[in-house]
């Protein structure tokens, strides 16, 4: 019984960027996550947008098009992160592709 080997799959490996060989690819992607607040409330975060983009203008366009509140937060690891109220993952992905800010292959949706 002592020599049983269990699968060492880490479900949150992409969260840390700890997967071997994919660390460089993860840095180039745009991560769209949803975080549960309390009860039914949730927050959508958009991280990994290019540095040459005007993040505040993109946040303003998100707020206007999705009719939700939003803010730009500075993070040590991810740089500037856009926070939007509600589950806006699909809306954000469609907006980024339609406005040609990034390609659909560069966007990673996380959450539920």
Protein backbone atom coordinates (compact mmCIF):
# COMPACT_ATOMS: atom_id res chain seq x y z
CA UNK A 1 0.00 0.00 0.00
CA UNK A 2 2.89 2.40 0.60
CA UNK A 3 3.88 2.43 -3.09
CA UNK A 4 0.61 3.92 -4.41
CA UNK A 5 1.21 6.92 -6.64
CA UNK A 6 -1.52 9.46 -6.97
CA UNK A 7 -1.93 11.88 -9.80
CA UNK A 8 -0.20 15.15 -8.86
CA UNK A 9 -2.45 17.38 -10.94
CA UNK A 10 -2.77 20.88 -9.52
CA UNK A 11 -6.10 22.47 -10.46
CA UNK A 12 -4.80 25.95 -9.62
CA UNK A 13 -1.47 25.69 -11.45
CA UNK A 14 -2.52 28.19 -14.12
CA UNK A 15 -3.45 30.63 -11.37
CA UNK A 16 0.16 30.75 -10.20
CA UNK A 17 1.68 30.38 -13.64
CA UNK A 18 3.58 27.43 -12.18
CA UNK A 19 3.11 25.03 -15.06
CA UNK A 20 6.42 24.15 -16.69
CA UNK A 21 6.88 25.44 -20.21
CA UNK A 22 3.71 27.52 -20.17
CA UNK A 23 5.05 30.34 -18.02
CA UNK A 24 6.08 32.41 -21.05
CA UNK A 25 2.75 31.79 -22.82
CA UNK A 26 0.72 32.73 -19.74
CA UNK A 27 2.47 36.10 -19.53
CA UNK A 28 1.34 37.01 -23.04
CA UNK A 29 -2.32 36.10 -22.48
CA UNK A 30 -5.20 38.18 -21.18
CA UNK A 31 -6.80 36.54 -18.14
CA UNK A 32 -10.49 37.17 -17.47
CA UNK A 33 -11.54 35.86 -14.06
CA UNK A 34 -14.68 35.98 -11.96
CA UNK A 35 -14.39 36.14 -8.16
CA UNK A 36 -17.27 35.46 -5.78
CA UNK A 37 -17.89 38.25 -3.28
CA UNK A 38 -20.78 37.59 -0.93
CA UNK A 39 -24.03 35.85 -1.75
CA UNK A 40 -24.82 36.25 -5.44
CA UNK A 41 -22.42 39.15 -6.00
CA UNK A 42 -19.27 38.66 -8.05
CA UNK A 43 -16.45 40.67 -9.59
CA UNK A 44 -14.87 40.20 -13.03
CA UNK A 45 -11.15 40.98 -13.28
CA UNK A 46 -9.23 41.54 -16.52
CA UNK A 47 -5.44 41.21 -16.25
CA UNK A 48 -2.62 40.92 -18.74
CA UNK A 49 -3.55 43.63 -21.23
CA UNK A 50 -0.63 45.12 -23.18
CA UNK A 51 1.27 47.99 -21.56
CA UNK A 52 0.88 50.29 -24.57
CA UNK A 53 -2.94 50.28 -24.25
CA UNK A 54 -4.83 52.97 -22.35
CA UNK A 55 -6.35 50.82 -19.59
CA UNK A 56 -8.51 53.65 -18.21
CA UNK A 57 -10.19 54.22 -21.59
CA UNK A 58 -10.85 50.49 -21.97
CA UNK A 59 -12.37 50.42 -18.46
CA UNK A 60 -14.56 53.38 -19.33
CA UNK A 61 -15.76 51.62 -22.50
CA UNK A 62 -16.51 48.45 -20.49
CA UNK A 63 -18.56 50.44 -17.99
CA UNK A 64 -20.53 52.22 -20.70
CA UNK A 65 -21.20 49.17 -22.89
CA UNK A 66 -21.98 46.68 -20.10
CA UNK A 67 -23.87 49.12 -17.79
CA UNK A 68 -21.79 48.16 -14.78
CA UNK A 69 -19.36 49.78 -12.38
CA UNK A 70 -15.62 49.31 -12.76
CA UNK A 71 -12.21 50.43 -11.57
CA UNK A 72 -8.54 50.12 -12.47
CA UNK A 73 -6.39 48.61 -9.70
CA UNK A 74 -2.60 48.35 -9.58
CA UNK A 75 -1.26 44.89 -8.75
CA UNK A 76 2.39 44.00 -8.10
CA UNK A 77 2.21 40.76 -10.12
CA UNK A 78 -0.19 41.61 -12.94
CA UNK A 79 0.32 45.34 -13.36
CA UNK A 80 -2.93 47.21 -14.00
CA UNK A 81 -6.07 45.12 -13.49
CA UNK A 82 -9.59 46.13 -14.50
CA UNK A 83 -12.32 45.19 -12.00
CA UNK A 84 -15.94 45.10 -13.16
CA UNK A 85 -19.05 44.42 -11.09
CA UNK A 86 -21.00 41.31 -12.08
CA UNK A 87 -20.14 38.33 -14.25
CA UNK A 88 -18.95 40.04 -17.45
CA UNK A 89 -16.58 37.33 -18.76
CA UNK A 90 -18.28 36.67 -22.10
CA UNK A 91 -19.01 40.37 -22.65
CA UNK A 92 -15.35 41.26 -22.05
CA UNK A 93 -14.14 38.55 -24.42
CA UNK A 94 -16.51 39.63 -27.20
CA UNK A 95 -15.61 43.30 -26.71
CA UNK A 96 -11.84 42.67 -26.85
CA UNK A 97 -12.19 40.60 -30.04
CA UNK A 98 -14.68 42.98 -31.73
CA UNK A 99 -12.56 46.05 -31.03
CA UNK A 100 -9.42 44.14 -32.19
CA UNK A 101 -7.63 44.79 -28.89
CA UNK A 102 -6.51 41.15 -28.84
CA UNK A 103 -7.26 37.85 -30.59
CA UNK A 104 -9.55 35.19 -29.17
CA UNK A 105 -6.59 32.79 -28.81
CA UNK A 106 -4.91 35.26 -26.42
CA UNK A 107 -7.88 35.42 -24.03
CA UNK A 108 -8.23 32.88 -21.20
CA UNK A 109 -11.54 32.68 -19.33
CA UNK A 110 -11.35 31.48 -15.71
CA UNK A 111 -14.10 30.82 -13.19
CA UNK A 112 -17.06 28.66 -12.36
